[in-house]
């Protein structure tokens, strides 16, 4: 199932008009949960897509996963965006950033948001450790291969 940009815009329009504040979509190849935040932005809670064997030729470069996490340089993990878009370090304008350099994080700690086609996607730390570098400015236009921040991994839970 390949959704076009037009399809996604139509789905979001219908959701906005529906009055619902949550959508859960599950198929054989997709598991997606969207929730509308207090400021009426749609946030993706999590998504997983899989393709059937032999579907590699149908892969859309815009939906390919981010590069593998780099843990080879002394336990430092590069955190990549889930999609290209606009990176936000805070949940809303004027709010405190999700994390700063030196912050302890757990796997499920939200470290930023990426807005893609009016859909807010949470960026999770994905590991336990300490934020050692923030590589993108608030409001930066980013691609899937851009490093958002770096975390020094630890064995302890933060």
N, C-alpha and C. Protein backbone atom coordinates (compact mmCIF):
# COMPACT_ATOMS: atom_id res chain seq x y z
N UNK A 1 0.85 -1.18 0.00
CA UNK A 1 0.00 0.00 0.00
C UNK A 1 0.89 1.23 0.00
N UNK A 2 0.85 2.02 -1.06
CA UNK A 2 1.63 3.24 -1.15
C UNK A 2 0.70 4.43 -1.09
N UNK A 3 0.87 5.26 -0.06
CA UNK A 3 0.09 6.48 0.07
C UNK A 3 0.83 7.62 -0.59
N UNK A 4 0.11 8.41 -1.36
CA UNK A 4 0.72 9.59 -1.96
C UNK A 4 0.57 10.76 -1.00
N UNK A 5 1.27 11.85 -1.30
CA UNK A 5 1.14 13.06 -0.49
C UNK A 5 -0.31 13.54 -0.50
N UNK A 6 -0.96 13.43 -1.64
CA UNK A 6 -2.38 13.83 -1.75
C UNK A 6 -3.25 12.97 -0.83
N UNK A 7 -2.97 11.66 -0.78
CA UNK A 7 -3.72 10.76 0.11
C UNK A 7 -3.57 11.18 1.57
N UNK A 8 -2.34 11.47 1.98
CA UNK A 8 -2.08 11.85 3.37
C UNK A 8 -2.78 13.16 3.70
N UNK A 9 -2.70 14.14 2.81
CA UNK A 9 -3.39 15.41 3.05
C UNK A 9 -4.90 15.21 3.18
N UNK A 10 -5.47 14.34 2.36
CA UNK A 10 -6.90 14.07 2.42
C UNK A 10 -7.27 13.37 3.74
N UNK A 11 -6.45 12.43 4.18
CA UNK A 11 -6.69 11.76 5.46
C UNK A 11 -6.66 12.77 6.60
N UNK A 12 -5.65 13.64 6.61
CA UNK A 12 -5.55 14.64 7.68
C UNK A 12 -6.72 15.62 7.63
N UNK A 13 -7.16 15.99 6.43
CA UNK A 13 -8.32 16.89 6.30
C UNK A 13 -9.56 16.22 6.89
N UNK A 14 -9.76 14.96 6.54
CA UNK A 14 -10.91 14.23 7.07
C UNK A 14 -10.86 14.08 8.59
N UNK A 15 -9.66 13.83 9.11
CA UNK A 15 -9.51 13.74 10.57
C UNK A 15 -9.83 15.07 11.24
N UNK A 16 -9.34 16.17 10.66
CA UNK A 16 -9.60 17.49 11.23
C UNK A 16 -11.10 17.78 11.27
N UNK A 17 -11.81 17.37 10.24
CA UNK A 17 -13.25 17.63 10.15
C UNK A 17 -14.08 16.65 10.98
N UNK A 18 -13.49 15.52 11.37
CA UNK A 18 -14.26 14.47 12.03
C UNK A 18 -14.61 14.75 13.48
N UNK A 19 -13.80 15.54 14.16
CA UNK A 19 -14.03 15.75 15.58
C UNK A 19 -13.35 14.71 16.45
N UNK A 20 -12.79 13.67 15.84
CA UNK A 20 -12.06 12.66 16.60
C UNK A 20 -10.68 13.19 16.98
N UNK A 21 -10.13 12.69 18.09
CA UNK A 21 -8.80 13.14 18.49
C UNK A 21 -7.79 11.99 18.47
N UNK A 22 -8.19 10.84 17.93
CA UNK A 22 -7.27 9.71 17.85
C UNK A 22 -7.64 8.83 16.68
N UNK A 23 -6.61 8.29 16.02
CA UNK A 23 -6.80 7.34 14.93
C UNK A 23 -5.80 6.20 15.13
N UNK A 24 -6.31 4.98 15.10
CA UNK A 24 -5.44 3.80 15.13
C UNK A 24 -5.70 3.04 13.84
N UNK A 25 -4.62 2.79 13.10
CA UNK A 25 -4.71 2.10 11.82
C UNK A 25 -3.75 0.92 11.85
N UNK A 26 -4.29 -0.28 11.61
CA UNK A 26 -3.43 -1.45 11.60
C UNK A 26 -3.80 -2.31 10.40
N UNK A 27 -2.78 -2.60 9.59
CA UNK A 27 -2.93 -3.51 8.47
C UNK A 27 -1.81 -4.54 8.58
N UNK A 28 -1.71 -5.42 7.58
CA UNK A 28 -0.64 -6.40 7.59
C UNK A 28 0.73 -5.75 7.52
N UNK A 29 0.80 -4.56 6.91
CA UNK A 29 2.11 -3.94 6.71
C UNK A 29 2.27 -2.60 7.42
N UNK A 30 1.27 -2.18 8.22
CA UNK A 30 1.35 -0.86 8.85
C UNK A 30 0.66 -0.88 10.19
N UNK A 31 1.28 -0.24 11.18
CA UNK A 31 0.69 -0.05 12.49
C UNK A 31 0.93 1.41 12.86
N UNK A 32 -0.15 2.21 12.88
CA UNK A 32 0.00 3.65 13.07
C UNK A 32 -1.03 4.16 14.07
N UNK A 33 -0.58 5.00 15.02
CA UNK A 33 -1.47 5.65 15.96
C UNK A 33 -1.22 7.14 15.89
N UNK A 34 -2.27 7.91 15.64
CA UNK A 34 -2.20 9.37 15.61
C UNK A 34 -3.07 9.92 16.72
N UNK A 35 -2.56 10.93 17.43
CA UNK A 35 -3.34 11.60 18.46
C UNK A 35 -3.23 13.09 18.24
N UNK A 36 -4.35 13.79 18.44
CA UNK A 36 -4.35 15.23 18.28
C UNK A 36 -3.98 15.86 19.63
N UNK A 37 -3.00 16.75 19.62
CA UNK A 37 -2.55 17.41 20.83
C UNK A 37 -3.47 18.57 21.17
N UNK A 38 -3.24 19.17 22.34
CA UNK A 38 -4.08 20.29 22.79
C UNK A 38 -4.06 21.46 21.82
N UNK A 39 -2.95 21.63 21.08
CA UNK A 39 -2.87 22.73 20.11
C UNK A 39 -3.30 22.29 18.70
N UNK A 40 -4.06 21.19 18.63
CA UNK A 40 -4.67 20.69 17.39
C UNK A 40 -3.67 20.19 16.35
N UNK A 41 -2.47 19.83 16.74
CA UNK A 41 -1.51 19.21 15.83
C UNK A 41 -1.62 17.70 15.99
N UNK A 42 -1.50 16.97 14.90
CA UNK A 42 -1.53 15.52 14.95
C UNK A 42 -0.15 15.01 15.26
N UNK A 43 -0.04 14.13 16.26
CA UNK A 43 1.25 13.56 16.66
C UNK A 43 1.20 12.05 16.44
N UNK A 44 2.26 11.52 15.85
CA UNK A 44 2.36 10.08 15.64
C UNK A 44 2.92 9.47 16.91
N UNK A 45 2.18 8.54 17.49
CA UNK A 45 2.61 7.86 18.71
C UNK A 45 3.64 6.78 18.40
N UNK A 46 3.51 6.17 17.25
CA UNK A 46 4.43 5.12 16.85
C UNK A 46 3.98 4.57 15.52
N UNK A 47 4.89 4.07 14.76
CA UNK A 47 4.51 3.49 13.48
C UNK A 47 5.52 2.43 13.13
N UNK A 48 5.03 1.40 12.48
CA UNK A 48 5.91 0.36 11.99
C UNK A 48 5.37 -0.09 10.66
N UNK A 49 6.21 -0.15 9.71
CA UNK A 49 5.79 -0.63 8.39
C UNK A 49 6.70 -1.76 7.99
N UNK A 50 6.13 -2.75 7.37
CA UNK A 50 6.95 -3.84 6.85
C UNK A 50 6.46 -4.17 5.46
N UNK A 51 7.36 -4.65 4.66
CA UNK A 51 6.97 -5.01 3.30
C UNK A 51 7.09 -6.51 3.14
N UNK A 52 6.31 -7.02 2.25
CA UNK A 52 6.37 -8.45 1.98
C UNK A 52 7.67 -8.77 1.27
N UNK A 53 8.17 -9.99 1.43
CA UNK A 53 9.40 -10.37 0.73
C UNK A 53 9.25 -10.12 -0.77
N UNK A 54 10.28 -9.55 -1.36
CA UNK A 54 10.27 -9.29 -2.79
C UNK A 54 9.72 -7.93 -3.15
N UNK A 55 9.30 -7.12 -2.17
CA UNK A 55 8.76 -5.80 -2.45
C UNK A 55 9.83 -4.72 -2.48
N UNK A 56 11.09 -5.09 -2.39
CA UNK A 56 12.15 -4.09 -2.28
C UNK A 56 12.15 -3.10 -3.43
N UNK A 57 11.75 -3.53 -4.60
CA UNK A 57 11.79 -2.64 -5.76
C UNK A 57 10.75 -1.53 -5.65
N UNK A 58 9.74 -1.70 -4.80
CA UNK A 58 8.70 -0.69 -4.64
C UNK A 58 9.03 0.31 -3.55
N UNK A 59 10.21 0.21 -2.95
CA UNK A 59 10.56 1.08 -1.84
C UNK A 59 10.68 2.52 -2.30
N UNK A 60 10.01 3.40 -1.58
CA UNK A 60 10.06 4.84 -1.85
C UNK A 60 11.19 5.43 -1.03
N UNK A 61 12.19 6.09 -1.66
CA UNK A 61 13.32 6.63 -0.91
C UNK A 61 12.89 7.59 0.20
N UNK A 62 11.78 8.27 0.03
CA UNK A 62 11.33 9.22 1.06
C UNK A 62 10.84 8.51 2.30
N UNK A 63 10.50 7.21 2.21
CA UNK A 63 10.00 6.49 3.37
C UNK A 63 10.99 5.46 3.89
N UNK A 64 12.21 5.45 3.35
CA UNK A 64 13.21 4.52 3.84
C UNK A 64 13.58 4.88 5.27
N UNK A 65 13.92 3.88 6.10
CA UNK A 65 14.31 4.17 7.47
C UNK A 65 15.59 4.99 7.52
N UNK A 66 15.77 5.68 8.65
CA UNK A 66 16.99 6.46 8.85
C UNK A 66 18.19 5.52 8.89
N UNK A 67 19.38 6.04 8.67
CA UNK A 67 20.57 5.20 8.72
C UNK A 67 20.68 4.48 10.06
N UNK A 68 21.40 3.37 10.07
CA UNK A 68 21.61 2.64 11.31
C UNK A 68 22.26 3.54 12.35
N UNK A 69 21.91 3.32 13.60
CA UNK A 69 22.48 4.10 14.69
C UNK A 69 23.97 3.80 14.79
N UNK A 70 24.78 4.82 14.94
CA UNK A 70 26.23 4.67 15.03
C UNK A 70 26.62 4.55 16.49
N UNK A 71 26.99 3.34 16.90
CA UNK A 71 27.42 3.15 18.28
C UNK A 71 28.88 2.72 18.33
N UNK A 72 29.56 2.83 17.20
CA UNK A 72 30.93 2.35 17.12
C UNK A 72 31.94 3.31 17.75
N UNK A 73 31.57 4.56 17.95
CA UNK A 73 32.54 5.54 18.45
C UNK A 73 32.40 5.73 19.95
N UNK A 74 32.75 4.69 20.73
CA UNK A 74 32.78 4.82 22.18
C UNK A 74 31.41 4.93 22.82
N UNK A 75 30.41 4.23 22.31
CA UNK A 75 29.10 4.24 22.94
C UNK A 75 28.30 5.50 22.69
N UNK A 76 28.63 6.24 21.63
CA UNK A 76 27.87 7.44 21.29
C UNK A 76 26.88 7.07 20.19
N UNK A 77 25.61 7.40 20.41
CA UNK A 77 24.57 7.08 19.45
C UNK A 77 24.06 8.35 18.79
N UNK A 78 24.05 8.34 17.45
CA UNK A 78 23.48 9.44 16.68
C UNK A 78 21.98 9.21 16.60
N UNK A 79 21.19 10.25 16.85
CA UNK A 79 19.74 10.16 16.78
C UNK A 79 19.27 10.85 15.51
N UNK A 80 18.53 10.11 14.69
CA UNK A 80 18.05 10.59 13.39
C UNK A 80 16.55 10.83 13.46
N UNK A 81 16.02 11.69 12.57
CA UNK A 81 14.57 11.93 12.55
C UNK A 81 13.84 10.75 11.92
N UNK A 82 12.56 10.57 12.30
CA UNK A 82 11.78 9.50 11.69
C UNK A 82 11.41 9.80 10.23
N UNK A 83 11.35 11.09 9.89
CA UNK A 83 10.98 11.56 8.55
C UNK A 83 11.65 12.89 8.30
N UNK A 84 11.78 13.31 7.05
CA UNK A 84 12.26 14.67 6.80
C UNK A 84 11.16 15.66 7.20
N UNK A 85 11.56 16.87 7.53
CA UNK A 85 10.57 17.89 7.92
C UNK A 85 11.23 19.03 8.68
N UNK A 86 10.49 19.61 9.61
CA UNK A 86 10.99 20.69 10.45
C UNK A 86 11.19 20.15 11.85
N UNK A 87 12.40 20.35 12.39
CA UNK A 87 12.76 19.86 13.72
C UNK A 87 12.43 20.90 14.78
N UNK A 88 11.76 20.47 15.83
CA UNK A 88 11.45 21.35 16.96
C UNK A 88 12.02 20.74 18.23
N UNK A 89 12.73 21.56 18.99
CA UNK A 89 13.34 21.11 20.24
C UNK A 89 12.39 21.19 21.42
N UNK A 90 11.26 21.90 21.27
CA UNK A 90 10.31 22.11 22.36
C UNK A 90 8.90 21.75 21.89
N UNK A 91 7.99 21.46 22.82
CA UNK A 91 6.64 21.08 22.42
C UNK A 91 5.81 22.21 21.85
N UNK A 92 6.18 23.45 22.14
CA UNK A 92 5.46 24.61 21.60
C UNK A 92 6.38 25.83 21.66
N UNK A 93 6.07 26.87 20.88
CA UNK A 93 6.90 28.08 20.91
C UNK A 93 6.98 28.67 22.33
N UNK A 94 8.17 29.00 22.76
CA UNK A 94 8.38 29.59 24.08
C UNK A 94 8.49 28.58 25.21
N UNK A 95 8.20 27.32 24.94
CA UNK A 95 8.32 26.28 25.97
C UNK A 95 9.78 25.85 26.12
N UNK A 96 10.07 25.25 27.25
CA UNK A 96 11.41 24.72 27.50
C UNK A 96 11.68 23.57 26.53
N UNK A 97 12.92 23.44 26.05
CA UNK A 97 13.26 22.31 25.16
C UNK A 97 13.03 20.98 25.87
N UNK A 98 12.77 19.94 25.08
CA UNK A 98 12.60 18.60 25.64
C UNK A 98 13.84 18.18 26.42
N UNK A 99 15.02 18.41 25.82
CA UNK A 99 16.29 18.05 26.46
C UNK A 99 17.34 19.12 26.15
N UNK A 100 18.34 19.17 27.01
CA UNK A 100 19.51 20.02 26.81
C UNK A 100 20.74 19.13 26.91
N UNK A 101 21.91 19.66 26.53
CA UNK A 101 23.16 18.92 26.71
C UNK A 101 23.31 18.63 28.19
N UNK A 102 23.66 17.38 28.51
CA UNK A 102 23.82 16.96 29.90
C UNK A 102 22.60 16.26 30.47
N UNK A 103 21.48 16.31 29.76
CA UNK A 103 20.25 15.68 30.25
C UNK A 103 20.36 14.16 30.19
N UNK A 104 19.85 13.51 31.24
CA UNK A 104 19.77 12.06 31.26
C UNK A 104 18.50 11.65 30.52
N UNK A 105 18.60 10.63 29.68
CA UNK A 105 17.45 10.17 28.90
C UNK A 105 17.28 8.66 29.03
N UNK A 106 16.05 8.21 28.84
CA UNK A 106 15.71 6.79 28.76
C UNK A 106 15.29 6.51 27.32
N UNK A 107 15.07 5.25 26.99
CA UNK A 107 14.69 4.88 25.63
C UNK A 107 13.46 5.62 25.15
N UNK A 108 12.48 5.82 26.04
CA UNK A 108 11.21 6.43 25.64
C UNK A 108 11.14 7.94 25.89
N UNK A 109 12.26 8.56 26.21
CA UNK A 109 12.29 10.01 26.41
C UNK A 109 12.12 10.73 25.07
N UNK A 110 11.17 11.64 25.00
CA UNK A 110 11.01 12.45 23.79
C UNK A 110 12.10 13.52 23.79
N UNK A 111 12.87 13.56 22.71
CA UNK A 111 13.98 14.51 22.62
C UNK A 111 13.71 15.61 21.60
N UNK A 112 12.61 15.51 20.85
CA UNK A 112 12.25 16.53 19.88
C UNK A 112 11.02 16.10 19.09
N UNK A 113 10.60 16.98 18.20
CA UNK A 113 9.48 16.71 17.30
C UNK A 113 9.92 17.03 15.88
N UNK A 114 9.38 16.28 14.93
CA UNK A 114 9.59 16.59 13.52
C UNK A 114 8.21 16.75 12.91
N UNK A 115 7.98 17.94 12.33
CA UNK A 115 6.71 18.20 11.66
C UNK A 115 6.86 17.89 10.18
N UNK A 116 6.00 17.00 9.70
CA UNK A 116 5.98 16.64 8.29
C UNK A 116 4.53 16.70 7.83
N UNK A 117 4.25 17.58 6.89
CA UNK A 117 2.90 17.74 6.34
C UNK A 117 1.86 17.92 7.45
N UNK A 118 2.13 18.83 8.37
CA UNK A 118 1.26 19.19 9.49
C UNK A 118 1.06 18.06 10.49
N UNK A 119 1.87 17.02 10.42
CA UNK A 119 1.82 15.91 11.36
C UNK A 119 3.06 15.97 12.24
N UNK A 120 2.85 16.00 13.55
CA UNK A 120 3.96 16.07 14.49
C UNK A 120 4.39 14.65 14.86
N UNK A 121 5.67 14.34 14.63
CA UNK A 121 6.24 13.02 14.91
C UNK A 121 7.20 13.14 16.08
N UNK A 122 6.96 12.40 17.15
CA UNK A 122 7.86 12.41 18.30
C UNK A 122 9.16 11.72 17.94
N UNK A 123 10.26 12.28 18.41
CA UNK A 123 11.58 11.66 18.26
C UNK A 123 11.98 11.15 19.64
N UNK A 124 12.16 9.86 19.76
CA UNK A 124 12.53 9.23 21.03
C UNK A 124 14.04 9.05 21.09
N UNK A 125 14.57 9.04 22.32
CA UNK A 125 16.01 8.84 22.51
C UNK A 125 16.43 7.47 21.99
N UNK A 126 15.65 6.44 22.27
CA UNK A 126 15.97 5.11 21.78
C UNK A 126 17.03 4.37 22.58
N UNK A 127 17.57 5.02 23.61
CA UNK A 127 18.57 4.38 24.46
C UNK A 127 18.64 5.15 25.77
N UNK A 128 19.32 4.57 26.74
CA UNK A 128 19.57 5.25 28.02
C UNK A 128 20.95 5.90 27.94
N UNK A 129 21.04 7.09 28.49
CA UNK A 129 22.33 7.76 28.49
C UNK A 129 22.22 9.24 28.76
N UNK A 130 23.21 9.98 28.24
CA UNK A 130 23.30 11.43 28.47
C UNK A 130 23.44 12.14 27.12
N UNK A 131 22.67 13.20 26.94
CA UNK A 131 22.76 14.01 25.72
C UNK A 131 24.10 14.74 25.76
N UNK A 132 24.93 14.53 24.73
CA UNK A 132 26.25 15.18 24.71
C UNK A 132 26.36 16.26 23.63
N UNK A 133 25.43 16.24 22.65
CA UNK A 133 25.48 17.26 21.61
C UNK A 133 24.12 17.39 20.96
N UNK A 134 23.69 18.62 20.74
CA UNK A 134 22.48 18.90 19.97
C UNK A 134 22.95 19.47 18.65
N UNK A 135 22.66 18.77 17.56
CA UNK A 135 23.24 19.08 16.26
C UNK A 135 22.37 19.97 15.38
N UNK A 136 21.10 20.14 15.70
CA UNK A 136 20.19 20.93 14.86
C UNK A 136 19.54 22.03 15.69
N UNK A 137 19.34 23.17 15.07
CA UNK A 137 18.66 24.29 15.71
C UNK A 137 17.15 24.08 15.69
N UNK A 138 16.47 24.71 16.62
CA UNK A 138 15.01 24.68 16.64
C UNK A 138 14.49 25.30 15.34
N UNK A 139 13.55 24.61 14.68
CA UNK A 139 12.98 25.11 13.44
C UNK A 139 13.77 24.77 12.20
N UNK A 140 14.83 23.98 12.34
CA UNK A 140 15.67 23.62 11.19
C UNK A 140 14.93 22.65 10.26
N UNK A 141 15.11 22.85 8.95
CA UNK A 141 14.61 21.89 7.97
C UNK A 141 15.60 20.75 7.92
N UNK A 142 15.13 19.53 8.12
CA UNK A 142 16.03 18.39 8.21
C UNK A 142 15.60 17.29 7.25
N UNK A 143 16.57 16.45 6.90
CA UNK A 143 16.35 15.27 6.07
C UNK A 143 16.51 14.04 6.95
N UNK A 144 16.08 12.88 6.46
CA UNK A 144 16.12 11.65 7.25
C UNK A 144 17.54 11.25 7.66
N UNK A 145 18.57 11.69 6.91
CA UNK A 145 19.95 11.31 7.22
C UNK A 145 20.66 12.33 8.13
N UNK A 146 19.98 13.42 8.51
CA UNK A 146 20.59 14.44 9.37
C UNK A 146 20.59 13.98 10.83
N UNK A 147 21.72 14.14 11.51
CA UNK A 147 21.82 13.81 12.92
C UNK A 147 21.17 14.95 13.72
N UNK A 148 20.21 14.59 14.58
CA UNK A 148 19.54 15.60 15.41
C UNK A 148 20.33 15.88 16.69
N UNK A 149 20.77 14.80 17.34
CA UNK A 149 21.56 14.94 18.56
C UNK A 149 22.33 13.66 18.80
N UNK A 150 23.25 13.73 19.76
CA UNK A 150 24.08 12.57 20.09
C UNK A 150 23.92 12.27 21.58
N UNK A 151 23.89 10.96 21.86
CA UNK A 151 23.71 10.49 23.23
C UNK A 151 24.85 9.54 23.55
N UNK A 152 25.49 9.77 24.71
CA UNK A 152 26.48 8.80 25.20
C UNK A 152 25.69 7.75 25.97
N UNK A 153 25.73 6.53 25.45
CA UNK A 153 24.93 5.45 26.05
C UNK A 153 25.51 5.02 27.39
N UNK A 154 24.60 4.59 28.27
CA UNK A 154 25.01 4.05 29.56
C UNK A 154 24.27 2.75 29.78
N UNK A 155 24.80 1.93 30.65
CA UNK A 155 24.15 0.66 31.00
C UNK A 155 23.04 0.87 32.02
N UNK A 156 23.13 1.97 32.76
CA UNK A 156 22.14 2.27 33.79
C UNK A 156 20.92 2.92 33.15
N UNK A 157 19.77 2.73 33.76
CA UNK A 157 18.59 3.46 33.30
C UNK A 157 18.65 4.84 33.86
N UNK A 158 18.29 5.83 33.04
CA UNK A 158 18.41 7.23 33.44
C UNK A 158 17.36 7.60 34.46
